[in-house]
PDB file of N, CA and C in Angstrom:
ATOM      1  N   MET A   1       9.957 -26.050 -73.140  1.00  0.00           N
ATOM      2  CA  MET A   1       8.715 -25.309 -72.957  1.00  0.00           C
ATOM      3  C   MET A   1       8.764 -24.577 -71.616  1.00  0.00           C
ATOM      4  N   GLU A   2       8.420 -23.301 -71.622  1.00  0.00           N
ATOM      5  CA  GLU A   2       8.465 -22.476 -70.424  1.00  0.00           C
ATOM      6  C   GLU A   2       7.251 -22.752 -69.541  1.00  0.00           C
ATOM      7  N   LYS A   3       7.496 -22.965 -68.257  1.00  0.00           N
ATOM      8  CA  LYS A   3       6.416 -23.220 -67.313  1.00  0.00           C
ATOM      9  C   LYS A   3       5.841 -21.885 -66.837  1.00  0.00           C
ATOM     10  N   LEU A   4       4.520 -21.761 -66.913  1.00  0.00           N
ATOM     11  CA  LEU A   4       3.870 -20.548 -66.444  1.00  0.00           C
ATOM     12  C   LEU A   4       3.679 -20.628 -64.939  1.00  0.00           C
ATOM     13  N   THR A   5       4.112 -19.606 -64.254  1.00  0.00           N
ATOM     14  CA  THR A   5       3.939 -19.540 -62.806  1.00  0.00           C
ATOM     15  C   THR A   5       2.615 -18.854 -62.509  1.00  0.00           C
ATOM     16  N   GLN A   6       1.798 -19.511 -61.731  1.00  0.00           N
ATOM     17  CA  GLN A   6       0.512 -18.931 -61.380  1.00  0.00           C
ATOM     18  C   GLN A   6       0.724 -17.799 -60.374  1.00  0.00           C
ATOM     19  N   LYS A   7       0.095 -16.678 -60.617  1.00  0.00           N
ATOM     20  CA  LYS A   7       0.176 -15.535 -59.724  1.00  0.00           C
ATOM     21  C   LYS A   7      -1.076 -15.494 -58.870  1.00  0.00           C
ATOM     22  N   ASN A   8      -0.994 -14.727 -57.791  1.00  0.00           N
ATOM     23  CA  ASN A   8      -2.085 -14.646 -56.824  1.00  0.00           C
ATOM     24  C   ASN A   8      -2.841 -13.338 -56.940  1.00  0.00           C
ATOM     25  N   CYS A   9      -4.102 -13.405 -56.552  1.00  0.00           N
ATOM     26  CA  CYS A   9      -4.917 -12.198 -56.549  1.00  0.00           C
ATOM     27  C   CYS A   9      -5.873 -12.224 -55.365  1.00  0.00           C
ATOM     28  N   ILE A  10      -6.429 -11.070 -55.090  1.00  0.00           N
ATOM     29  CA  ILE A  10      -7.566 -10.964 -54.185  1.00  0.00           C
ATOM     30  C   ILE A  10      -8.672 -10.274 -54.974  1.00  0.00           C
ATOM     31  N   ILE A  11      -9.889 -10.469 -54.528  1.00  0.00           N
ATOM     32  CA  ILE A  11     -11.039  -9.886 -55.201  1.00  0.00           C
ATOM     33  C   ILE A  11     -11.701  -8.900 -54.246  1.00  0.00           C
ATOM     34  N   TYR A  12     -12.100  -7.747 -54.800  1.00  0.00           N
ATOM     35  CA  TYR A  12     -12.816  -6.741 -54.026  1.00  0.00           C
ATOM     36  C   TYR A  12     -14.169  -6.497 -54.686  1.00  0.00           C
ATOM     37  N   LEU A  13     -15.229  -6.595 -53.889  1.00  0.00           N
ATOM     38  CA  LEU A  13     -16.601  -6.433 -54.359  1.00  0.00           C
ATOM     39  C   LEU A  13     -17.271  -5.339 -53.542  1.00  0.00           C
ATOM     40  N   ARG A  14     -18.025  -4.467 -54.212  1.00  0.00           N
ATOM     41  CA  ARG A  14     -18.712  -3.393 -53.477  1.00  0.00           C
ATOM     42  C   ARG A  14     -20.013  -3.026 -54.155  1.00  0.00           C
ATOM     43  N   VAL A  15     -21.039  -2.884 -53.332  1.00  0.00           N
ATOM     44  CA  VAL A  15     -22.329  -2.370 -53.770  1.00  0.00           C
ATOM     45  C   VAL A  15     -22.622  -1.151 -52.915  1.00  0.00           C
ATOM     46  N   SER A  16     -22.930  -0.034 -53.566  1.00  0.00           N
ATOM     47  CA  SER A  16     -23.113   1.201 -52.812  1.00  0.00           C
ATOM     48  C   SER A  16     -24.557   1.490 -52.412  1.00  0.00           C
ATOM     49  N   SER A  17     -25.514   0.765 -52.986  1.00  0.00           N
ATOM     50  CA  SER A  17     -26.919   0.997 -52.618  1.00  0.00           C
ATOM     51  C   SER A  17     -27.739  -0.260 -52.884  1.00  0.00           C
ATOM     52  N   SER A  18     -28.902  -0.330 -52.245  1.00  0.00           N
ATOM     53  CA  SER A  18     -29.779  -1.492 -52.478  1.00  0.00           C
ATOM     54  C   SER A  18     -30.296  -1.479 -53.916  1.00  0.00           C
ATOM     55  N   LYS A  19     -30.508  -0.290 -54.490  1.00  0.00           N
ATOM     56  CA  LYS A  19     -30.936  -0.182 -55.885  1.00  0.00           C
ATOM     57  C   LYS A  19     -29.884  -0.776 -56.818  1.00  0.00           C
ATOM     58  N   GLN A  20     -28.648  -0.443 -56.564  1.00  0.00           N
ATOM     59  CA  GLN A  20     -27.567  -0.954 -57.397  1.00  0.00           C
ATOM     60  C   GLN A  20     -27.483  -2.479 -57.300  1.00  0.00           C
ATOM     61  N   ALA A  21     -27.692  -3.006 -56.121  1.00  0.00           N
ATOM     62  CA  ALA A  21     -27.619  -4.453 -55.906  1.00  0.00           C
ATOM     63  C   ALA A  21     -28.667  -5.194 -56.733  1.00  0.00           C
ATOM     64  N   GLN A  22     -29.757  -4.503 -57.073  1.00  0.00           N
ATOM     65  CA  GLN A  22     -30.835  -5.135 -57.833  1.00  0.00           C
ATOM     66  C   GLN A  22     -30.719  -4.900 -59.337  1.00  0.00           C
ATOM     67  N   GLN A  23     -29.742  -4.115 -59.772  1.00  0.00           N
ATOM     68  CA  GLN A  23     -29.628  -3.781 -61.186  1.00  0.00           C
ATOM     69  C   GLN A  23     -28.418  -4.439 -61.842  1.00  0.00           C
ATOM     70  N   GLY A  24     -28.148  -5.695 -61.512  1.00  0.00           N
ATOM     71  CA  GLY A  24     -27.070  -6.417 -62.162  1.00  0.00           C
ATOM     72  C   GLY A  24     -25.697  -6.155 -61.584  1.00  0.00           C
ATOM     73  N   GLU A  25     -25.633  -5.454 -60.472  1.00  0.00           N
ATOM     74  CA  GLU A  25     -24.350  -5.138 -59.839  1.00  0.00           C
ATOM     75  C   GLU A  25     -24.236  -5.774 -58.464  1.00  0.00           C
ATOM     76  N   SER A  26     -25.017  -6.808 -58.211  1.00  0.00           N
ATOM     77  CA  SER A  26     -24.996  -7.427 -56.888  1.00  0.00           C
ATOM     78  C   SER A  26     -23.606  -7.982 -56.571  1.00  0.00           C
ATOM     79  N   ILE A  27     -23.379  -8.217 -55.309  1.00  0.00           N
ATOM     80  CA  ILE A  27     -22.105  -8.807 -54.875  1.00  0.00           C
ATOM     81  C   ILE A  27     -21.873 -10.117 -55.618  1.00  0.00           C
ATOM     82  N   GLU A  28     -22.894 -10.940 -55.726  1.00  0.00           N
ATOM     83  CA  GLU A  28     -22.746 -12.235 -56.405  1.00  0.00           C
ATOM     84  C   GLU A  28     -22.437 -12.069 -57.892  1.00  0.00           C
ATOM     85  N   ASP A  29     -23.090 -11.105 -58.542  1.00  0.00           N
ATOM     86  CA  ASP A  29     -22.804 -10.853 -59.960  1.00  0.00           C
ATOM     87  C   ASP A  29     -21.351 -10.415 -60.143  1.00  0.00           C
ATOM     88  N   GLN A  30     -20.911  -9.487 -59.310  1.00  0.00           N
ATOM     89  CA  GLN A  30     -19.534  -9.012 -59.395  1.00  0.00           C
ATOM     90  C   GLN A  30     -18.550 -10.153 -59.122  1.00  0.00           C
ATOM     91  N   LYS A  31     -18.878 -10.979 -58.144  1.00  0.00           N
ATOM     92  CA  LYS A  31     -17.993 -12.092 -57.790  1.00  0.00           C
ATOM     93  C   LYS A  31     -17.830 -13.051 -58.967  1.00  0.00           C
ATOM     94  N   LYS A  32     -18.933 -13.386 -59.627  1.00  0.00           N
ATOM     95  CA  LYS A  32     -18.862 -14.283 -60.783  1.00  0.00           C
ATOM     96  C   LYS A  32     -17.970 -13.699 -61.878  1.00  0.00           C
ATOM     97  N   ILE A  33     -18.143 -12.409 -62.162  1.00  0.00           N
ATOM     98  CA  ILE A  33     -17.334 -11.743 -63.187  1.00  0.00           C
ATOM     99  C   ILE A  33     -15.857 -11.794 -62.817  1.00  0.00           C
ATOM    100  N   CYS A  34     -15.548 -11.487 -61.574  1.00  0.00           N
ATOM    101  CA  CYS A  34     -14.152 -11.468 -61.118  1.00  0.00           C
ATOM    102  C   CYS A  34     -13.541 -12.872 -61.111  1.00  0.00           C
ATOM    103  N   GLU A  35     -14.325 -13.865 -60.711  1.00  0.00           N
ATOM    104  CA  GLU A  35     -13.822 -15.241 -60.709  1.00  0.00           C
ATOM    105  C   GLU A  35     -13.540 -15.727 -62.135  1.00  0.00           C
ATOM    106  N   ILE A  36     -14.401 -15.380 -63.066  1.00  0.00           N
ATOM    107  CA  ILE A  36     -14.170 -15.758 -64.470  1.00  0.00           C
ATOM    108  C   ILE A  36     -12.888 -15.105 -64.975  1.00  0.00           C
ATOM    109  N   PHE A  37     -12.706 -13.825 -64.661  1.00  0.00           N
ATOM    110  CA  PHE A  37     -11.494 -13.124 -65.080  1.00  0.00           C
ATOM    111  C   PHE A  37     -10.252 -13.786 -64.484  1.00  0.00           C
ATOM    112  N   ALA A  38     -10.307 -14.123 -63.186  1.00  0.00           N
ATOM    113  CA  ALA A  38      -9.168 -14.759 -62.529  1.00  0.00           C
ATOM    114  C   ALA A  38      -8.840 -16.100 -63.185  1.00  0.00           C
ATOM    115  N   LYS A  39      -9.859 -16.873 -63.465  1.00  0.00           N
ATOM    116  CA  LYS A  39      -9.646 -18.182 -64.096  1.00  0.00           C
ATOM    117  C   LYS A  39      -9.024 -18.027 -65.479  1.00  0.00           C
ATOM    118  N   ARG A  40      -9.563 -17.115 -66.273  1.00  0.00           N
ATOM    119  CA  ARG A  40      -9.035 -16.891 -67.625  1.00  0.00           C
ATOM    120  C   ARG A  40      -7.604 -16.363 -67.602  1.00  0.00           C
ATOM    121  N   SER A  41      -7.259 -15.664 -66.526  1.00  0.00           N
ATOM    122  CA  SER A  41      -5.921 -15.071 -66.395  1.00  0.00           C
ATOM    123  C   SER A  41      -4.969 -15.970 -65.625  1.00  0.00           C
ATOM    124  N   ASN A  42      -5.423 -17.180 -65.282  1.00  0.00           N
ATOM    125  CA  ASN A  42      -4.625 -18.143 -64.526  1.00  0.00           C
ATOM    126  C   ASN A  42      -4.150 -17.567 -63.185  1.00  0.00           C
ATOM    127  N   LEU A  43      -5.061 -16.881 -62.486  1.00  0.00           N
ATOM    128  CA  LEU A  43      -4.746 -16.293 -61.191  1.00  0.00           C
ATOM    129  C   LEU A  43      -5.393 -17.105 -60.079  1.00  0.00           C
ATOM    130  N   LYS A  44      -4.646 -17.314 -59.026  1.00  0.00           N
ATOM    131  CA  LYS A  44      -5.173 -18.005 -57.849  1.00  0.00           C
ATOM    132  C   LYS A  44      -5.788 -16.969 -56.917  1.00  0.00           C
ATOM    133  N   ILE A  45      -7.044 -17.178 -56.547  1.00  0.00           N
ATOM    134  CA  ILE A  45      -7.751 -16.258 -55.653  1.00  0.00           C
ATOM    135  C   ILE A  45      -7.401 -16.627 -54.207  1.00  0.00           C
ATOM    136  N   LEU A  46      -6.799 -15.683 -53.500  1.00  0.00           N
ATOM    137  CA  LEU A  46      -6.414 -15.912 -52.111  1.00  0.00           C
ATOM    138  C   LEU A  46      -7.523 -15.522 -51.130  1.00  0.00           C
ATOM    139  N   GLU A  47      -8.183 -14.420 -51.406  1.00  0.00           N
ATOM    140  CA  GLU A  47      -9.234 -13.900 -50.525  1.00  0.00           C
ATOM    141  C   GLU A  47     -10.247 -13.116 -51.347  1.00  0.00           C
ATOM    142  N   VAL A  48     -11.445 -13.026 -50.821  1.00  0.00           N
ATOM    143  CA  VAL A  48     -12.490 -12.190 -51.411  1.00  0.00           C
ATOM    144  C   VAL A  48     -12.963 -11.226 -50.326  1.00  0.00           C
ATOM    145  N   PHE A  49     -12.885  -9.938 -50.626  1.00  0.00           N
ATOM    146  CA  PHE A  49     -13.326  -8.892 -49.708  1.00  0.00           C
ATOM    147  C   PHE A  49     -14.568  -8.246 -50.304  1.00  0.00           C
ATOM    148  N   SER A  50     -15.556  -7.960 -49.463  1.00  0.00           N
ATOM    149  CA  SER A  50     -16.754  -7.306 -49.989  1.00  0.00           C
ATOM    150  C   SER A  50     -17.350  -6.371 -48.951  1.00  0.00           C
ATOM    151  N   GLU A  51     -18.066  -5.381 -49.467  1.00  0.00           N
ATOM    152  CA  GLU A  51     -18.811  -4.477 -48.595  1.00  0.00           C
ATOM    153  C   GLU A  51     -20.095  -4.076 -49.299  1.00  0.00           C
ATOM    154  N   GLN A  52     -21.145  -3.966 -48.503  1.00  0.00           N
ATOM    155  CA  GLN A  52     -22.450  -3.615 -49.034  1.00  0.00           C
ATOM    156  C   GLN A  52     -22.843  -2.222 -48.571  1.00  0.00           C
ATOM    157  N   PHE A  53     -23.459  -1.501 -49.462  1.00  0.00           N
ATOM    158  CA  PHE A  53     -24.074  -0.211 -49.165  1.00  0.00           C
ATOM    159  C   PHE A  53     -23.098   0.785 -48.563  1.00  0.00           C
ATOM    160  N   SER A  54     -21.920   0.878 -49.168  1.00  0.00           N
ATOM    161  CA  SER A  54     -20.912   1.814 -48.679  1.00  0.00           C
ATOM    162  C   SER A  54     -21.163   3.235 -49.165  1.00  0.00           C
ATOM    163  N   GLY A  55     -21.963   3.392 -50.216  1.00  0.00           N
ATOM    164  CA  GLY A  55     -22.319   4.722 -50.707  1.00  0.00           C
ATOM    165  C   GLY A  55     -21.130   5.616 -50.964  1.00  0.00           C
ATOM    166  N   ARG A  56     -21.231   6.854 -50.547  1.00  0.00           N
ATOM    167  CA  ARG A  56     -20.188   7.836 -50.801  1.00  0.00           C
ATOM    168  C   ARG A  56     -19.278   8.024 -49.596  1.00  0.00           C
ATOM    169  N   LYS A  57     -19.247   7.081 -48.700  1.00  0.00           N
ATOM    170  CA  LYS A  57     -18.404   7.207 -47.510  1.00  0.00           C
ATOM    171  C   LYS A  57     -16.928   7.255 -47.878  1.00  0.00           C
ATOM    172  N   ASN A  58     -16.209   8.120 -47.207  1.00  0.00           N
ATOM    173  CA  ASN A  58     -14.763   8.162 -47.391  1.00  0.00           C
ATOM    174  C   ASN A  58     -14.082   7.116 -46.509  1.00  0.00           C
ATOM    175  N   ASP A  59     -14.708   6.798 -45.391  1.00  0.00           N
ATOM    176  CA  ASP A  59     -14.171   5.793 -44.487  1.00  0.00           C
ATOM    177  C   ASP A  59     -14.586   4.423 -44.997  1.00  0.00           C
ATOM    178  N   ARG A  60     -13.634   3.662 -45.507  1.00  0.00           N
ATOM    179  CA  ARG A  60     -13.939   2.370 -46.109  1.00  0.00           C
ATOM    180  C   ARG A  60     -13.111   1.299 -45.407  1.00  0.00           C
ATOM    181  N   PRO A  61     -13.635   0.725 -44.327  1.00  0.00           N
ATOM    182  CA  PRO A  61     -12.873  -0.263 -43.543  1.00  0.00           C
ATOM    183  C   PRO A  61     -12.392  -1.454 -44.363  1.00  0.00           C
ATOM    184  N   VAL A  62     -13.144  -1.870 -45.368  1.00  0.00           N
ATOM    185  CA  VAL A  62     -12.735  -3.037 -46.152  1.00  0.00           C
ATOM    186  C   VAL A  62     -11.476  -2.726 -46.960  1.00  0.00           C
ATOM    187  N   ILE A  63     -11.346  -1.489 -47.441  1.00  0.00           N
ATOM    188  CA  ILE A  63     -10.106  -1.103 -48.138  1.00  0.00           C
ATOM    189  C   ILE A  63      -8.936  -1.199 -47.166  1.00  0.00           C
ATOM    190  N   GLU A  64      -9.144  -0.763 -45.947  1.00  0.00           N
ATOM    191  CA  GLU A  64      -8.087  -0.877 -44.930  1.00  0.00           C
ATOM    192  C   GLU A  64      -7.771  -2.344 -44.639  1.00  0.00           C
ATOM    193  N   ASP A  65      -8.799  -3.196 -44.636  1.00  0.00           N
ATOM    194  CA  ASP A  65      -8.585  -4.642 -44.451  1.00  0.00           C
ATOM    195  C   ASP A  65      -7.734  -5.216 -45.580  1.00  0.00           C
ATOM    196  N   ILE A  66      -7.984  -4.764 -46.799  1.00  0.00           N
ATOM    197  CA  ILE A  66      -7.200  -5.223 -47.953  1.00  0.00           C
ATOM    198  C   ILE A  66      -5.745  -4.804 -47.799  1.00  0.00           C
ATOM    199  N   ILE A  67      -5.518  -3.553 -47.444  1.00  0.00           N
ATOM    200  CA  ILE A  67      -4.150  -3.052 -47.264  1.00  0.00           C
ATOM    201  C   ILE A  67      -3.444  -3.827 -46.157  1.00  0.00           C
ATOM    202  N   THR A  68      -4.139  -4.076 -45.068  1.00  0.00           N
ATOM    203  CA  THR A  68      -3.567  -4.864 -43.961  1.00  0.00           C
ATOM    204  C   THR A  68      -3.225  -6.273 -44.428  1.00  0.00           C
ATOM    205  N   TYR A  69      -4.122  -6.898 -45.177  1.00  0.00           N
ATOM    206  CA  TYR A  69      -3.885  -8.254 -45.684  1.00  0.00           C
ATOM    207  C   TYR A  69      -2.620  -8.286 -46.549  1.00  0.00           C
ATOM    208  N   ILE A  70      -2.515  -7.328 -47.445  1.00  0.00           N
ATOM    209  CA  ILE A  70      -1.355  -7.292 -48.348  1.00  0.00           C
ATOM    210  C   ILE A  70      -0.065  -7.086 -47.554  1.00  0.00           C
ATOM    211  N   LYS A  71      -0.107  -6.211 -46.564  1.00  0.00           N
ATOM    212  CA  LYS A  71       1.088  -5.970 -45.745  1.00  0.00           C
ATOM    213  C   LYS A  71       1.470  -7.193 -44.913  1.00  0.00           C
ATOM    214  N   LYS A  72       0.473  -7.963 -44.479  1.00  0.00           N
ATOM    215  CA  LYS A  72       0.746  -9.181 -43.691  1.00  0.00           C
ATOM    216  C   LYS A  72       1.282 -10.316 -44.563  1.00  0.00           C
ATOM    217  N   HIS A  73       1.071 -10.217 -45.859  1.00  0.00           N
ATOM    218  CA  HIS A  73       1.505 -11.245 -46.805  1.00  0.00           C
ATOM    219  C   HIS A  73       2.379 -10.616 -47.888  1.00  0.00           C
ATOM    220  N   PRO A  74       3.553 -10.129 -47.500  1.00  0.00           N
ATOM    221  CA  PRO A  74       4.400  -9.428 -48.484  1.00  0.00           C
ATOM    222  C   PRO A  74       4.747 -10.304 -49.685  1.00  0.00           C
ATOM    223  N   ASN A  75       4.676  -9.700 -50.844  1.00  0.00           N
ATOM    224  CA  ASN A  75       5.021 -10.348 -52.121  1.00  0.00           C
ATOM    225  C   ASN A  75       4.118 -11.515 -52.497  1.00  0.00           C
ATOM    226  N   LYS A  76       3.007 -11.677 -51.797  1.00  0.00           N
ATOM    227  CA  LYS A  76       2.121 -12.805 -52.102  1.00  0.00           C
ATOM    228  C   LYS A  76       0.986 -12.404 -53.057  1.00  0.00           C
ATOM    229  N   VAL A  77       0.533 -11.162 -52.969  1.00  0.00           N
ATOM    230  CA  VAL A  77      -0.576 -10.691 -53.799  1.00  0.00           C
ATOM    231  C   VAL A  77      -0.020  -9.862 -54.955  1.00  0.00           C
ATOM    232  N   GLN A  78      -0.263 -10.315 -56.162  1.00  0.00           N
ATOM    233  CA  GLN A  78       0.196  -9.574 -57.326  1.00  0.00           C
ATOM    234  C   GLN A  78      -0.904  -8.689 -57.928  1.00  0.00           C
ATOM    235  N   TYR A  79      -2.170  -9.080 -57.724  1.00  0.00           N
ATOM    236  CA  TYR A  79      -3.272  -8.359 -58.352  1.00  0.00           C
ATOM    237  C   TYR A  79      -4.459  -8.235 -57.407  1.00  0.00           C
ATOM    238  N   ILE A  80      -5.198  -7.132 -57.582  1.00  0.00           N
ATOM    239  CA  ILE A  80      -6.515  -6.970 -56.973  1.00  0.00           C
ATOM    240  C   ILE A  80      -7.494  -6.881 -58.134  1.00  0.00           C
ATOM    241  N   ILE A  81      -8.504  -7.721 -58.097  1.00  0.00           N
ATOM    242  CA  ILE A  81      -9.508  -7.721 -59.165  1.00  0.00           C
ATOM    243  C   ILE A  81     -10.784  -7.094 -58.624  1.00  0.00           C
ATOM    244  N   PHE A  82     -11.356  -6.182 -59.410  1.00  0.00           N
ATOM    245  CA  PHE A  82     -12.657  -5.595 -59.102  1.00  0.00           C
ATOM    246  C   PHE A  82     -13.374  -5.377 -60.422  1.00  0.00           C
ATOM    247  N   ARG A  83     -14.690  -5.346 -60.394  1.00  0.00           N
ATOM    248  CA  ARG A  83     -15.468  -5.299 -61.628  1.00  0.00           C
ATOM    249  C   ARG A  83     -15.243  -4.020 -62.423  1.00  0.00           C
ATOM    250  N   ALA A  84     -15.139  -2.888 -61.748  1.00  0.00           N
ATOM    251  CA  ALA A  84     -14.919  -1.609 -62.425  1.00  0.00           C
ATOM    252  C   ALA A  84     -14.247  -0.654 -61.451  1.00  0.00           C
ATOM    253  N   ILE A  85     -13.553   0.319 -61.980  1.00  0.00           N
ATOM    254  CA  ILE A  85     -12.797   1.251 -61.140  1.00  0.00           C
ATOM    255  C   ILE A  85     -13.698   1.949 -60.119  1.00  0.00           C
ATOM    256  N   ASP A  86     -14.963   2.204 -60.468  1.00  0.00           N
ATOM    257  CA  ASP A  86     -15.849   2.872 -59.514  1.00  0.00           C
ATOM    258  C   ASP A  86     -16.253   1.968 -58.352  1.00  0.00           C
ATOM    259  N   ARG A  87     -15.986   0.680 -58.461  1.00  0.00           N
ATOM    260  CA  ARG A  87     -16.212  -0.220 -57.325  1.00  0.00           C
ATOM    261  C   ARG A  87     -15.062  -0.081 -56.322  1.00  0.00           C
ATOM    262  N   PHE A  88     -13.894   0.276 -56.821  1.00  0.00           N
ATOM    263  CA  PHE A  88     -12.699   0.355 -55.969  1.00  0.00           C
ATOM    264  C   PHE A  88     -12.490   1.744 -55.399  1.00  0.00           C
ATOM    265  N   THR A  89     -12.677   2.768 -56.213  1.00  0.00           N
ATOM    266  CA  THR A  89     -12.475   4.136 -55.753  1.00  0.00           C
ATOM    267  C   THR A  89     -13.451   5.074 -56.439  1.00  0.00           C
ATOM    268  N   ARG A  90     -13.912   6.067 -55.708  1.00  0.00           N
ATOM    269  CA  ARG A  90     -14.824   7.070 -56.261  1.00  0.00           C
ATOM    270  C   ARG A  90     -14.050   8.191 -56.955  1.00  0.00           C
ATOM    271  N   ASN A  91     -12.735   8.218 -56.808  1.00  0.00           N
ATOM    272  CA  ASN A  91     -11.929   9.312 -57.332  1.00  0.00           C
ATOM    273  C   ASN A  91     -11.208   8.955 -58.627  1.00  0.00           C
ATOM    274  N   GLY A  92     -11.648   7.938 -59.330  1.00  0.00           N
ATOM    275  CA  GLY A  92     -11.057   7.574 -60.609  1.00  0.00           C
ATOM    276  C   GLY A  92      -9.585   7.229 -60.513  1.00  0.00           C
ATOM    277  N   THR A  93      -8.844   7.630 -61.530  1.00  0.00           N
ATOM    278  CA  THR A  93      -7.434   7.279 -61.635  1.00  0.00           C
ATOM    279  C   THR A  93      -6.608   7.813 -60.478  1.00  0.00           C
ATOM    280  N   LEU A  94      -6.878   9.036 -60.049  1.00  0.00           N
ATOM    281  CA  LEU A  94      -6.107   9.620 -58.941  1.00  0.00           C
ATOM    282  C   LEU A  94      -6.309   8.817 -57.651  1.00  0.00           C
ATOM    283  N   GLY A  95      -7.542   8.450 -57.373  1.00  0.00           N
ATOM    284  CA  GLY A  95      -7.834   7.646 -56.190  1.00  0.00           C
ATOM    285  C   GLY A  95      -7.186   6.272 -56.284  1.00  0.00           C
ATOM    286  N   TYR A  96      -7.240   5.692 -57.484  1.00  0.00           N
ATOM    287  CA  TYR A  96      -6.620   4.379 -57.705  1.00  0.00           C
ATOM    288  C   TYR A  96      -5.114   4.456 -57.471  1.00  0.00           C
ATOM    289  N   GLU A  97      -4.460   5.457 -58.038  1.00  0.00           N
ATOM    290  CA  GLU A  97      -3.003   5.596 -57.873  1.00  0.00           C
ATOM    291  C   GLU A  97      -2.626   5.792 -56.412  1.00  0.00           C
ATOM    292  N   SER A  98      -3.435   6.557 -55.688  1.00  0.00           N
ATOM    293  CA  SER A  98      -3.180   6.782 -54.262  1.00  0.00           C
ATOM    294  C   SER A  98      -3.270   5.470 -53.480  1.00  0.00           C
ATOM    295  N   LEU A  99      -4.316   4.682 -53.756  1.00  0.00           N
ATOM    296  CA  LEU A  99      -4.479   3.393 -53.076  1.00  0.00           C
ATOM    297  C   LEU A  99      -3.365   2.433 -53.482  1.00  0.00           C
ATOM    298  N   LYS A 100      -2.984   2.455 -54.725  1.00  0.00           N
ATOM    299  CA  LYS A 100      -1.919   1.577 -55.226  1.00  0.00           C
ATOM    300  C   LYS A 100      -0.607   1.862 -54.489  1.00  0.00           C
ATOM    301  N   GLN A 101      -0.317   3.119 -54.245  1.00  0.00           N
ATOM    302  CA  GLN A 101       0.900   3.484 -53.534  1.00  0.00           C
ATOM    303  C   GLN A 101       0.903   2.959 -52.105  1.00  0.00           C
ATOM    304  N   ARG A 102      -0.264   2.944 -51.486  1.00  0.00           N
ATOM    305  CA  ARG A 102      -0.373   2.441 -50.106  1.00  0.00           C
ATOM    306  C   ARG A 102      -0.096   0.964 -50.053  1.00  0.00           C
TER     307      ARG A 102
END
């Protein structure tokens, strides 16, 4: 029988407005969804990063913190979990691919 190796992940949570936080997209709601996904996928959560009320800012220090964390822990993080692509990047697939390359 083949032994499954548990992979590691980090979680990223973002709320862009106080209105959004009250409409089922709160940091806690997103965290629960991401934790359930990690558990079902047999992923070990190493860190949880979050930011509140980031809106349409291009300067996103928490994204830089994530990149720094990954660089400080080479080959340790296999996945980043977020509730939806718009929580991670405002630029859709192109923004995601750009961040992935970094």
